[in-house]
N, C-alpha and C. Protein backbone atom coordinates (compact mmCIF):
# COMPACT_ATOMS: atom_id res chain seq x y z
N UNK A 1 -70.21 59.37 -59.18
CA UNK A 1 -69.47 58.59 -58.21
C UNK A 1 -68.14 59.28 -57.96
N UNK A 2 -67.77 59.43 -56.69
CA UNK A 2 -66.57 60.17 -56.31
C UNK A 2 -65.67 59.27 -55.48
N UNK A 3 -65.00 58.32 -56.07
CA UNK A 3 -64.20 57.37 -55.32
C UNK A 3 -62.73 57.63 -55.58
N UNK A 4 -61.97 57.70 -54.52
CA UNK A 4 -60.54 57.93 -54.62
C UNK A 4 -59.82 56.63 -54.26
N UNK A 5 -58.72 56.35 -54.93
CA UNK A 5 -58.00 55.11 -54.74
C UNK A 5 -57.50 54.86 -53.34
N UNK A 6 -57.31 55.90 -52.55
CA UNK A 6 -56.76 55.71 -51.22
C UNK A 6 -57.81 55.49 -50.14
N UNK A 7 -59.05 55.35 -50.51
CA UNK A 7 -60.09 55.05 -49.52
C UNK A 7 -60.83 56.25 -48.98
N UNK A 8 -60.47 57.45 -49.38
CA UNK A 8 -61.20 58.63 -48.94
C UNK A 8 -62.20 59.00 -50.03
N UNK A 9 -63.46 58.86 -49.73
CA UNK A 9 -64.54 59.12 -50.67
C UNK A 9 -65.22 60.42 -50.23
N UNK A 10 -65.21 61.43 -51.10
CA UNK A 10 -65.73 62.75 -50.75
C UNK A 10 -66.70 63.19 -51.83
N UNK A 11 -67.89 63.62 -51.43
CA UNK A 11 -68.82 64.17 -52.40
C UNK A 11 -70.27 63.86 -52.08
N UNK A 12 -71.15 64.11 -53.03
CA UNK A 12 -72.57 63.84 -52.86
C UNK A 12 -72.85 62.37 -53.15
N UNK A 13 -73.52 61.69 -52.25
CA UNK A 13 -73.94 60.32 -52.47
C UNK A 13 -72.87 59.26 -52.30
N UNK A 14 -71.69 59.61 -51.80
CA UNK A 14 -70.61 58.62 -51.69
C UNK A 14 -70.89 57.55 -50.64
N UNK A 15 -71.85 57.79 -49.73
CA UNK A 15 -72.18 56.75 -48.75
C UNK A 15 -72.70 55.49 -49.43
N UNK A 16 -73.22 55.64 -50.66
CA UNK A 16 -73.69 54.47 -51.42
C UNK A 16 -72.54 53.51 -51.72
N UNK A 17 -71.32 54.02 -51.78
CA UNK A 17 -70.15 53.19 -52.07
C UNK A 17 -69.78 52.29 -50.90
N UNK A 18 -70.29 52.57 -49.70
CA UNK A 18 -70.02 51.73 -48.54
C UNK A 18 -70.47 50.30 -48.80
N UNK A 19 -71.53 50.12 -49.57
CA UNK A 19 -72.05 48.79 -49.85
C UNK A 19 -70.99 47.91 -50.52
N UNK A 20 -70.16 48.49 -51.38
CA UNK A 20 -69.09 47.72 -52.02
C UNK A 20 -68.11 47.16 -50.99
N UNK A 21 -67.80 47.94 -49.97
CA UNK A 21 -66.90 47.49 -48.91
C UNK A 21 -67.60 46.43 -48.06
N UNK A 22 -68.85 46.68 -47.69
CA UNK A 22 -69.57 45.73 -46.82
C UNK A 22 -69.66 44.35 -47.45
N UNK A 23 -69.79 44.27 -48.75
CA UNK A 23 -69.90 42.97 -49.43
C UNK A 23 -68.65 42.12 -49.30
N UNK A 24 -67.52 42.73 -48.98
CA UNK A 24 -66.28 41.97 -48.86
C UNK A 24 -66.04 41.46 -47.44
N UNK A 25 -66.95 41.75 -46.53
CA UNK A 25 -66.84 41.31 -45.14
C UNK A 25 -68.06 40.47 -44.77
N UNK A 26 -67.87 39.58 -43.80
CA UNK A 26 -68.94 38.67 -43.42
C UNK A 26 -69.77 39.14 -42.23
N UNK A 27 -69.16 39.86 -41.29
CA UNK A 27 -69.89 40.26 -40.09
C UNK A 27 -69.53 41.69 -39.67
N UNK A 28 -69.88 42.68 -40.50
CA UNK A 28 -69.59 44.07 -40.12
C UNK A 28 -70.56 44.57 -39.06
N UNK A 29 -70.09 45.49 -38.24
CA UNK A 29 -70.91 46.07 -37.16
C UNK A 29 -70.79 47.59 -37.22
N UNK A 30 -71.94 48.27 -37.23
CA UNK A 30 -71.99 49.73 -37.16
C UNK A 30 -71.94 50.16 -35.70
N UNK A 31 -71.24 51.27 -35.43
CA UNK A 31 -71.23 51.90 -34.11
C UNK A 31 -71.66 53.34 -34.30
N UNK A 32 -72.70 53.74 -33.57
CA UNK A 32 -73.25 55.09 -33.72
C UNK A 32 -73.98 55.46 -32.43
N UNK A 33 -74.54 56.64 -32.38
CA UNK A 33 -75.50 56.96 -31.33
C UNK A 33 -76.83 57.24 -32.01
N UNK A 34 -77.87 57.40 -31.23
CA UNK A 34 -79.20 57.54 -31.84
C UNK A 34 -79.31 58.80 -32.70
N UNK A 35 -78.58 59.85 -32.36
CA UNK A 35 -78.62 61.08 -33.15
C UNK A 35 -77.92 60.89 -34.49
N UNK A 36 -76.71 60.32 -34.47
CA UNK A 36 -75.98 60.15 -35.73
C UNK A 36 -76.65 59.10 -36.61
N UNK A 37 -77.27 58.10 -35.99
CA UNK A 37 -77.99 57.11 -36.79
C UNK A 37 -79.16 57.78 -37.52
N UNK A 38 -79.89 58.63 -36.81
CA UNK A 38 -81.04 59.31 -37.43
C UNK A 38 -80.60 60.18 -38.61
N UNK A 39 -79.43 60.80 -38.51
CA UNK A 39 -78.93 61.64 -39.59
C UNK A 39 -78.54 60.80 -40.80
N UNK A 40 -77.88 59.67 -40.57
CA UNK A 40 -77.35 58.85 -41.66
C UNK A 40 -78.34 57.83 -42.21
N UNK A 41 -79.32 57.45 -41.42
CA UNK A 41 -80.21 56.35 -41.82
C UNK A 41 -80.92 56.55 -43.15
N UNK A 42 -81.37 57.75 -43.49
CA UNK A 42 -82.00 57.89 -44.81
C UNK A 42 -81.08 57.51 -45.97
N UNK A 43 -79.78 57.59 -45.77
CA UNK A 43 -78.81 57.31 -46.82
C UNK A 43 -78.19 55.92 -46.69
N UNK A 44 -78.38 55.28 -45.53
CA UNK A 44 -77.79 53.95 -45.27
C UNK A 44 -78.84 52.96 -44.78
N UNK A 45 -80.07 53.18 -45.17
CA UNK A 45 -81.18 52.38 -44.64
C UNK A 45 -80.97 50.88 -44.83
N UNK A 46 -80.65 50.44 -46.02
CA UNK A 46 -80.48 49.00 -46.29
C UNK A 46 -79.28 48.44 -45.54
N UNK A 47 -78.19 49.17 -45.51
CA UNK A 47 -76.99 48.70 -44.84
C UNK A 47 -77.25 48.51 -43.34
N UNK A 48 -77.98 49.45 -42.73
CA UNK A 48 -78.28 49.35 -41.31
C UNK A 48 -79.25 48.20 -41.02
N UNK A 49 -80.10 47.87 -41.97
CA UNK A 49 -81.01 46.74 -41.80
C UNK A 49 -80.26 45.41 -41.88
N UNK A 50 -79.24 45.35 -42.73
CA UNK A 50 -78.55 44.10 -43.01
C UNK A 50 -77.41 43.78 -42.05
N UNK A 51 -76.97 44.74 -41.24
CA UNK A 51 -75.82 44.55 -40.36
C UNK A 51 -76.22 44.76 -38.90
N UNK A 52 -75.38 44.27 -38.01
CA UNK A 52 -75.57 44.54 -36.59
C UNK A 52 -75.22 45.99 -36.31
N UNK A 53 -75.92 46.59 -35.36
CA UNK A 53 -75.70 48.00 -35.02
C UNK A 53 -75.58 48.13 -33.50
N UNK A 54 -74.51 48.77 -33.06
CA UNK A 54 -74.37 49.15 -31.65
C UNK A 54 -74.76 50.62 -31.60
N UNK A 55 -75.92 50.87 -31.00
CA UNK A 55 -76.43 52.25 -30.93
C UNK A 55 -76.32 52.73 -29.49
N UNK A 56 -75.49 53.73 -29.28
CA UNK A 56 -75.24 54.28 -27.95
C UNK A 56 -76.15 55.46 -27.68
N UNK A 57 -76.34 55.77 -26.43
CA UNK A 57 -77.14 56.93 -26.05
C UNK A 57 -76.27 58.18 -26.14
N UNK A 58 -76.74 59.23 -26.81
CA UNK A 58 -75.92 60.44 -26.92
C UNK A 58 -75.81 61.23 -25.62
N UNK A 59 -76.68 60.98 -24.66
CA UNK A 59 -76.69 61.78 -23.42
C UNK A 59 -75.41 61.62 -22.61
N UNK A 60 -74.91 60.40 -22.47
CA UNK A 60 -73.72 60.20 -21.65
C UNK A 60 -72.53 59.73 -22.48
N UNK A 61 -72.55 60.05 -23.76
CA UNK A 61 -71.52 59.59 -24.68
C UNK A 61 -70.22 60.35 -24.46
N UNK A 62 -69.15 59.62 -24.22
CA UNK A 62 -67.83 60.21 -24.02
C UNK A 62 -66.79 59.12 -24.26
N UNK A 63 -65.57 59.53 -24.47
CA UNK A 63 -64.49 58.57 -24.55
C UNK A 63 -63.96 58.42 -23.13
N UNK A 64 -64.67 57.61 -22.36
CA UNK A 64 -64.25 57.32 -21.00
C UNK A 64 -64.26 55.81 -20.81
N UNK A 65 -63.77 55.36 -19.68
CA UNK A 65 -63.64 53.92 -19.46
C UNK A 65 -64.99 53.21 -19.53
N UNK A 66 -66.04 53.83 -19.02
CA UNK A 66 -67.37 53.20 -19.03
C UNK A 66 -67.89 53.01 -20.46
N UNK A 67 -67.76 54.02 -21.30
CA UNK A 67 -68.24 53.90 -22.69
C UNK A 67 -67.38 52.93 -23.50
N UNK A 68 -66.08 52.95 -23.29
CA UNK A 68 -65.21 52.00 -23.98
C UNK A 68 -65.62 50.58 -23.60
N UNK A 69 -65.82 50.34 -22.31
CA UNK A 69 -66.23 49.01 -21.85
C UNK A 69 -67.59 48.63 -22.42
N UNK A 70 -68.51 49.57 -22.51
CA UNK A 70 -69.84 49.30 -23.08
C UNK A 70 -69.72 48.86 -24.54
N UNK A 71 -68.89 49.58 -25.31
CA UNK A 71 -68.70 49.22 -26.72
C UNK A 71 -68.04 47.84 -26.83
N UNK A 72 -66.99 47.61 -26.05
CA UNK A 72 -66.30 46.32 -26.13
C UNK A 72 -67.19 45.16 -25.71
N UNK A 73 -68.01 45.37 -24.69
CA UNK A 73 -68.91 44.28 -24.26
C UNK A 73 -70.00 44.02 -25.30
N UNK A 74 -70.50 45.07 -25.93
CA UNK A 74 -71.50 44.87 -26.99
C UNK A 74 -70.87 44.23 -28.22
N UNK A 75 -69.63 44.56 -28.52
CA UNK A 75 -68.92 43.90 -29.62
C UNK A 75 -68.73 42.41 -29.31
N UNK A 76 -68.47 42.09 -28.07
CA UNK A 76 -68.32 40.68 -27.69
C UNK A 76 -69.62 39.91 -27.94
N UNK A 77 -70.75 40.53 -27.62
CA UNK A 77 -72.05 39.90 -27.90
C UNK A 77 -72.22 39.71 -29.40
N UNK A 78 -71.88 40.73 -30.18
CA UNK A 78 -71.98 40.63 -31.65
C UNK A 78 -71.05 39.54 -32.17
N UNK A 79 -69.88 39.43 -31.56
CA UNK A 79 -68.87 38.49 -32.02
C UNK A 79 -69.23 37.05 -31.66
N UNK A 80 -69.77 36.84 -30.48
CA UNK A 80 -70.02 35.48 -30.01
C UNK A 80 -71.47 35.04 -30.15
N UNK A 81 -72.39 35.95 -29.91
CA UNK A 81 -73.77 35.54 -29.79
C UNK A 81 -74.62 35.68 -31.03
N UNK A 82 -74.28 36.51 -31.96
CA UNK A 82 -75.15 36.81 -33.07
C UNK A 82 -74.83 36.01 -34.34
N UNK A 83 -73.62 35.52 -34.46
CA UNK A 83 -73.21 34.89 -35.71
C UNK A 83 -72.09 33.90 -35.43
N UNK A 84 -71.98 32.91 -36.28
CA UNK A 84 -70.86 31.97 -36.15
C UNK A 84 -69.58 32.56 -36.74
N UNK A 85 -69.71 33.72 -37.39
CA UNK A 85 -68.58 34.41 -38.00
C UNK A 85 -68.16 35.56 -37.08
N UNK A 86 -66.87 35.70 -36.79
CA UNK A 86 -66.45 36.81 -35.93
C UNK A 86 -66.64 38.17 -36.60
N UNK A 87 -66.78 39.18 -35.78
CA UNK A 87 -66.85 40.55 -36.29
C UNK A 87 -65.56 40.82 -37.05
N UNK A 88 -65.70 41.32 -38.29
CA UNK A 88 -64.51 41.53 -39.11
C UNK A 88 -64.35 42.94 -39.66
N UNK A 89 -65.31 43.82 -39.37
CA UNK A 89 -65.23 45.22 -39.80
C UNK A 89 -66.12 46.05 -38.90
N UNK A 90 -65.64 47.22 -38.51
CA UNK A 90 -66.45 48.17 -37.76
C UNK A 90 -66.68 49.39 -38.65
N UNK A 91 -67.87 49.99 -38.53
CA UNK A 91 -68.20 51.20 -39.28
C UNK A 91 -68.67 52.25 -38.28
N UNK A 92 -67.92 53.33 -38.17
CA UNK A 92 -68.28 54.43 -37.27
C UNK A 92 -69.18 55.40 -38.01
N UNK A 93 -70.34 55.70 -37.42
CA UNK A 93 -71.21 56.75 -37.95
C UNK A 93 -71.27 57.82 -36.87
N UNK A 94 -70.60 58.94 -37.10
CA UNK A 94 -70.61 59.99 -36.09
C UNK A 94 -69.41 60.91 -36.25
N UNK A 95 -69.08 61.55 -35.14
CA UNK A 95 -67.94 62.47 -35.15
C UNK A 95 -66.83 61.88 -34.29
N UNK A 96 -66.05 62.72 -33.64
CA UNK A 96 -64.84 62.28 -32.95
C UNK A 96 -65.03 61.24 -31.87
N UNK A 97 -66.02 61.39 -31.01
CA UNK A 97 -66.22 60.45 -29.91
C UNK A 97 -66.55 59.07 -30.44
N UNK A 98 -67.49 58.98 -31.37
CA UNK A 98 -67.85 57.68 -31.95
C UNK A 98 -66.62 57.05 -32.63
N UNK A 99 -65.84 57.85 -33.32
CA UNK A 99 -64.64 57.33 -33.98
C UNK A 99 -63.62 56.82 -32.96
N UNK A 100 -63.43 57.55 -31.87
CA UNK A 100 -62.49 57.10 -30.85
C UNK A 100 -62.95 55.80 -30.21
N UNK A 101 -64.24 55.69 -29.92
CA UNK A 101 -64.76 54.44 -29.35
C UNK A 101 -64.60 53.29 -30.34
N UNK A 102 -64.80 53.57 -31.61
CA UNK A 102 -64.63 52.55 -32.65
C UNK A 102 -63.16 52.12 -32.74
N UNK A 103 -62.24 53.07 -32.56
CA UNK A 103 -60.80 52.74 -32.58
C UNK A 103 -60.47 51.72 -31.50
N UNK A 104 -61.05 51.88 -30.31
CA UNK A 104 -60.80 50.91 -29.24
C UNK A 104 -61.27 49.52 -29.66
N UNK A 105 -62.44 49.44 -30.30
CA UNK A 105 -62.94 48.16 -30.78
C UNK A 105 -62.07 47.57 -31.87
N UNK A 106 -61.65 48.41 -32.81
CA UNK A 106 -60.79 47.94 -33.91
C UNK A 106 -59.46 47.41 -33.37
N UNK A 107 -58.91 48.09 -32.37
CA UNK A 107 -57.66 47.63 -31.77
C UNK A 107 -57.87 46.31 -31.03
N UNK A 108 -58.92 46.23 -30.24
CA UNK A 108 -59.20 45.02 -29.44
C UNK A 108 -59.37 43.80 -30.34
N UNK A 109 -60.04 43.97 -31.48
CA UNK A 109 -60.32 42.84 -32.37
C UNK A 109 -59.31 42.71 -33.51
N UNK A 110 -58.43 43.68 -33.65
CA UNK A 110 -57.43 43.61 -34.71
C UNK A 110 -58.04 43.66 -36.10
N UNK A 111 -59.07 44.51 -36.25
CA UNK A 111 -59.79 44.59 -37.52
C UNK A 111 -59.84 46.03 -38.02
N UNK A 112 -60.11 46.21 -39.30
CA UNK A 112 -60.20 47.58 -39.84
C UNK A 112 -61.53 48.22 -39.50
N UNK A 113 -61.57 49.54 -39.70
CA UNK A 113 -62.86 50.22 -39.58
C UNK A 113 -63.03 51.23 -40.70
N UNK A 114 -64.29 51.48 -40.99
CA UNK A 114 -64.68 52.47 -41.99
C UNK A 114 -65.37 53.61 -41.28
N UNK A 115 -65.43 54.75 -41.93
CA UNK A 115 -65.99 55.95 -41.32
C UNK A 115 -67.06 56.57 -42.20
N UNK A 116 -68.18 56.90 -41.57
CA UNK A 116 -69.21 57.73 -42.19
C UNK A 116 -69.37 58.92 -41.25
N UNK A 117 -68.59 59.99 -41.49
CA UNK A 117 -68.63 61.12 -40.57
C UNK A 117 -69.94 61.90 -40.66
N UNK A 118 -70.37 62.38 -39.52
CA UNK A 118 -71.51 63.28 -39.45
C UNK A 118 -70.99 64.62 -38.97
N UNK A 119 -71.87 65.58 -38.86
CA UNK A 119 -71.48 66.91 -38.41
C UNK A 119 -70.73 66.81 -37.09
N UNK A 120 -69.53 67.40 -37.00
CA UNK A 120 -68.75 67.32 -35.77
C UNK A 120 -69.48 67.94 -34.58
N UNK A 121 -69.26 67.35 -33.44
CA UNK A 121 -69.85 67.83 -32.19
C UNK A 121 -68.85 68.80 -31.55
N UNK A 122 -69.29 70.00 -31.27
CA UNK A 122 -68.41 71.02 -30.67
C UNK A 122 -67.89 70.58 -29.31
N UNK A 123 -68.57 69.66 -28.67
CA UNK A 123 -68.18 69.19 -27.34
C UNK A 123 -67.19 68.02 -27.39
N UNK A 124 -66.85 67.51 -28.56
CA UNK A 124 -66.02 66.31 -28.68
C UNK A 124 -64.74 66.38 -27.84
N UNK A 125 -64.02 67.47 -27.93
CA UNK A 125 -62.72 67.56 -27.26
C UNK A 125 -62.85 67.41 -25.74
N UNK A 126 -63.95 67.83 -25.17
CA UNK A 126 -64.14 67.73 -23.72
C UNK A 126 -64.66 66.36 -23.30
N UNK A 127 -64.92 65.49 -24.24
CA UNK A 127 -65.49 64.19 -23.93
C UNK A 127 -64.46 63.06 -24.01
N UNK A 128 -63.20 63.38 -23.95
CA UNK A 128 -62.15 62.37 -24.03
C UNK A 128 -61.46 62.26 -22.67
N UNK A 129 -61.87 61.28 -21.89
CA UNK A 129 -61.43 61.18 -20.51
C UNK A 129 -60.99 59.77 -20.13
N UNK A 130 -60.59 58.95 -21.07
CA UNK A 130 -60.25 57.57 -20.76
C UNK A 130 -58.88 57.44 -20.10
N UNK A 131 -58.72 56.39 -19.30
CA UNK A 131 -57.44 56.16 -18.64
C UNK A 131 -56.40 55.61 -19.63
N UNK A 132 -56.85 54.98 -20.71
CA UNK A 132 -55.95 54.49 -21.75
C UNK A 132 -55.93 55.50 -22.90
N UNK A 133 -54.78 55.65 -23.55
CA UNK A 133 -54.75 56.55 -24.71
C UNK A 133 -55.60 55.98 -25.84
N UNK A 134 -56.21 56.85 -26.62
CA UNK A 134 -57.01 56.42 -27.76
C UNK A 134 -56.06 55.81 -28.78
N UNK A 135 -56.37 54.61 -29.27
CA UNK A 135 -55.50 53.98 -30.27
C UNK A 135 -55.34 54.87 -31.51
N UNK A 136 -54.13 54.92 -32.01
CA UNK A 136 -53.84 55.74 -33.19
C UNK A 136 -54.08 54.92 -34.45
N UNK A 137 -55.34 54.66 -34.72
CA UNK A 137 -55.76 53.89 -35.89
C UNK A 137 -56.63 54.80 -36.73
N UNK A 138 -56.32 54.89 -38.02
CA UNK A 138 -57.18 55.69 -38.90
C UNK A 138 -58.10 54.74 -39.67
N UNK A 139 -59.25 55.25 -40.07
CA UNK A 139 -60.15 54.39 -40.84
C UNK A 139 -59.53 53.99 -42.18
N UNK A 140 -59.80 52.77 -42.61
CA UNK A 140 -59.31 52.32 -43.92
C UNK A 140 -60.09 53.01 -45.04
N UNK A 141 -61.37 53.27 -44.78
CA UNK A 141 -62.22 53.96 -45.75
C UNK A 141 -62.97 55.07 -45.04
N UNK A 142 -63.13 56.19 -45.72
CA UNK A 142 -63.94 57.29 -45.22
C UNK A 142 -64.95 57.63 -46.31
N UNK A 143 -66.22 57.69 -45.92
CA UNK A 143 -67.30 58.04 -46.83
C UNK A 143 -67.90 59.36 -46.36
N UNK A 144 -67.28 60.47 -46.75
CA UNK A 144 -67.72 61.80 -46.34
C UNK A 144 -68.74 62.29 -47.35
N UNK A 145 -69.99 62.09 -47.02
CA UNK A 145 -71.11 62.35 -47.93
C UNK A 145 -71.72 63.72 -47.62
N UNK A 146 -71.75 64.58 -48.61
CA UNK A 146 -72.31 65.92 -48.43
C UNK A 146 -73.77 65.87 -47.99
N UNK A 147 -74.50 64.85 -48.39
CA UNK A 147 -75.91 64.73 -48.00
C UNK A 147 -76.06 64.50 -46.50
N UNK A 148 -75.07 63.86 -45.89
CA UNK A 148 -75.09 63.59 -44.45
C UNK A 148 -74.47 64.75 -43.68
N UNK A 149 -73.42 65.34 -44.22
CA UNK A 149 -72.66 66.36 -43.51
C UNK A 149 -73.24 67.77 -43.58
N UNK A 150 -73.87 68.12 -44.68
CA UNK A 150 -74.21 69.53 -44.93
C UNK A 150 -75.70 69.72 -45.14
N UNK A 151 -76.17 70.88 -44.80
CA UNK A 151 -77.54 71.24 -45.13
C UNK A 151 -77.60 71.58 -46.61
N UNK A 152 -78.77 71.45 -47.19
CA UNK A 152 -78.94 71.70 -48.62
C UNK A 152 -78.56 73.12 -49.02
N UNK A 153 -78.78 74.08 -48.11
CA UNK A 153 -78.52 75.47 -48.46
C UNK A 153 -77.09 75.93 -48.14
N UNK A 154 -76.22 75.01 -47.74
CA UNK A 154 -74.84 75.39 -47.43
C UNK A 154 -74.11 75.79 -48.72
N UNK A 155 -73.33 76.86 -48.63
CA UNK A 155 -72.55 77.27 -49.81
C UNK A 155 -71.23 76.49 -49.85
N UNK A 156 -70.47 76.68 -50.91
CA UNK A 156 -69.22 75.92 -51.09
C UNK A 156 -68.27 76.10 -49.91
N UNK A 157 -68.10 77.32 -49.45
CA UNK A 157 -67.20 77.60 -48.33
C UNK A 157 -67.66 76.86 -47.07
N UNK A 158 -68.95 76.88 -46.80
CA UNK A 158 -69.48 76.18 -45.62
C UNK A 158 -69.30 74.67 -45.75
N UNK A 159 -69.48 74.15 -46.96
CA UNK A 159 -69.29 72.71 -47.18
C UNK A 159 -67.82 72.33 -46.99
N UNK A 160 -66.90 73.13 -47.52
CA UNK A 160 -65.48 72.85 -47.34
C UNK A 160 -65.12 72.82 -45.85
N UNK A 161 -65.63 73.78 -45.11
CA UNK A 161 -65.36 73.83 -43.68
C UNK A 161 -65.93 72.62 -42.96
N UNK A 162 -67.15 72.22 -43.32
CA UNK A 162 -67.78 71.06 -42.68
C UNK A 162 -67.01 69.78 -42.99
N UNK A 163 -66.62 69.59 -44.25
CA UNK A 163 -65.82 68.42 -44.62
C UNK A 163 -64.50 68.42 -43.86
N UNK A 164 -63.83 69.56 -43.79
CA UNK A 164 -62.55 69.64 -43.10
C UNK A 164 -62.69 69.23 -41.64
N UNK A 165 -63.66 69.79 -40.93
CA UNK A 165 -63.86 69.45 -39.52
C UNK A 165 -64.23 67.98 -39.35
N UNK A 166 -65.09 67.47 -40.21
CA UNK A 166 -65.52 66.08 -40.10
C UNK A 166 -64.36 65.11 -40.35
N UNK A 167 -63.57 65.37 -41.37
CA UNK A 167 -62.45 64.48 -41.68
C UNK A 167 -61.37 64.55 -40.61
N UNK A 168 -61.12 65.72 -40.06
CA UNK A 168 -60.17 65.84 -38.96
C UNK A 168 -60.66 65.09 -37.73
N UNK A 169 -61.98 65.14 -37.47
CA UNK A 169 -62.56 64.40 -36.34
C UNK A 169 -62.41 62.89 -36.52
N UNK A 170 -62.32 62.44 -37.77
CA UNK A 170 -62.10 61.02 -38.07
C UNK A 170 -60.65 60.62 -37.85
N UNK A 171 -59.78 61.60 -37.67
CA UNK A 171 -58.37 61.32 -37.48
C UNK A 171 -57.56 61.36 -38.76
N UNK A 172 -58.14 61.93 -39.81
CA UNK A 172 -57.44 62.03 -41.10
C UNK A 172 -56.70 63.37 -41.14
N UNK A 173 -55.41 63.31 -41.37
CA UNK A 173 -54.60 64.52 -41.43
C UNK A 173 -54.99 65.35 -42.66
N UNK A 174 -54.99 66.65 -42.48
CA UNK A 174 -55.45 67.56 -43.53
C UNK A 174 -54.70 67.38 -44.85
N UNK A 175 -53.43 67.04 -44.79
CA UNK A 175 -52.67 66.89 -46.03
C UNK A 175 -53.18 65.73 -46.90
N UNK A 176 -53.92 64.80 -46.32
CA UNK A 176 -54.46 63.67 -47.09
C UNK A 176 -55.73 64.02 -47.85
N UNK A 177 -56.42 65.07 -47.45
CA UNK A 177 -57.71 65.35 -48.11
C UNK A 177 -57.87 66.78 -48.59
N UNK A 178 -57.03 67.70 -48.17
CA UNK A 178 -57.21 69.10 -48.50
C UNK A 178 -57.27 69.33 -50.02
N UNK A 179 -56.33 68.74 -50.74
CA UNK A 179 -56.30 68.92 -52.20
C UNK A 179 -57.56 68.34 -52.84
N UNK A 180 -58.02 67.20 -52.34
CA UNK A 180 -59.24 66.59 -52.90
C UNK A 180 -60.45 67.48 -52.68
N UNK A 181 -60.51 68.10 -51.52
CA UNK A 181 -61.63 69.01 -51.25
C UNK A 181 -61.61 70.21 -52.18
N UNK A 182 -60.44 70.75 -52.39
CA UNK A 182 -60.32 71.92 -53.26
C UNK A 182 -60.68 71.60 -54.70
N UNK A 183 -60.46 70.35 -55.13
CA UNK A 183 -60.75 69.95 -56.49
C UNK A 183 -62.26 69.76 -56.73
N UNK A 184 -63.01 69.49 -55.68
CA UNK A 184 -64.43 69.17 -55.83
C UNK A 184 -65.25 70.41 -56.13
N UNK A 185 -66.28 70.21 -56.92
CA UNK A 185 -67.21 71.28 -57.23
C UNK A 185 -68.54 70.94 -56.58
N UNK A 186 -68.70 71.33 -55.31
CA UNK A 186 -69.95 71.08 -54.60
C UNK A 186 -70.33 72.28 -53.78
């Protein structure tokens, strides 16, 4: 188990620790696209079965007004139509675009979000076109799981690079995780 007191969980199998966080909330909602869900689902199968999931199409995924509105309207359905309990936690499964869309939801509802980063998308930077600035909210918890982020044959240097890119895509400043990455033996 690789749990750090500040909410940044880095290592093999740390996505299992997400369950501890989910148990403290009544109506968590996952936000992902079909590609990132497929990557994470083998490691989060039970959690995805037990919670509501907003699954976006990766084809037209961008941080633009249409996608922000789509996420907010689907969150409203989750908040009003699915449960008598309001949405109280968002969990982003993906890279930068999914995290930015989740930030809009977290700001709108005034709730925290958790992060399960996947391999960063090289196109992320070109997919940020919204008329409103992306809220500057960082995830309360990050579960950077080597099983989700890296291929089995990746060497230590490749894993460090993948973790660095993924955590930066989540909005976590390098000074918060660089030392932890260097300490890990993976």
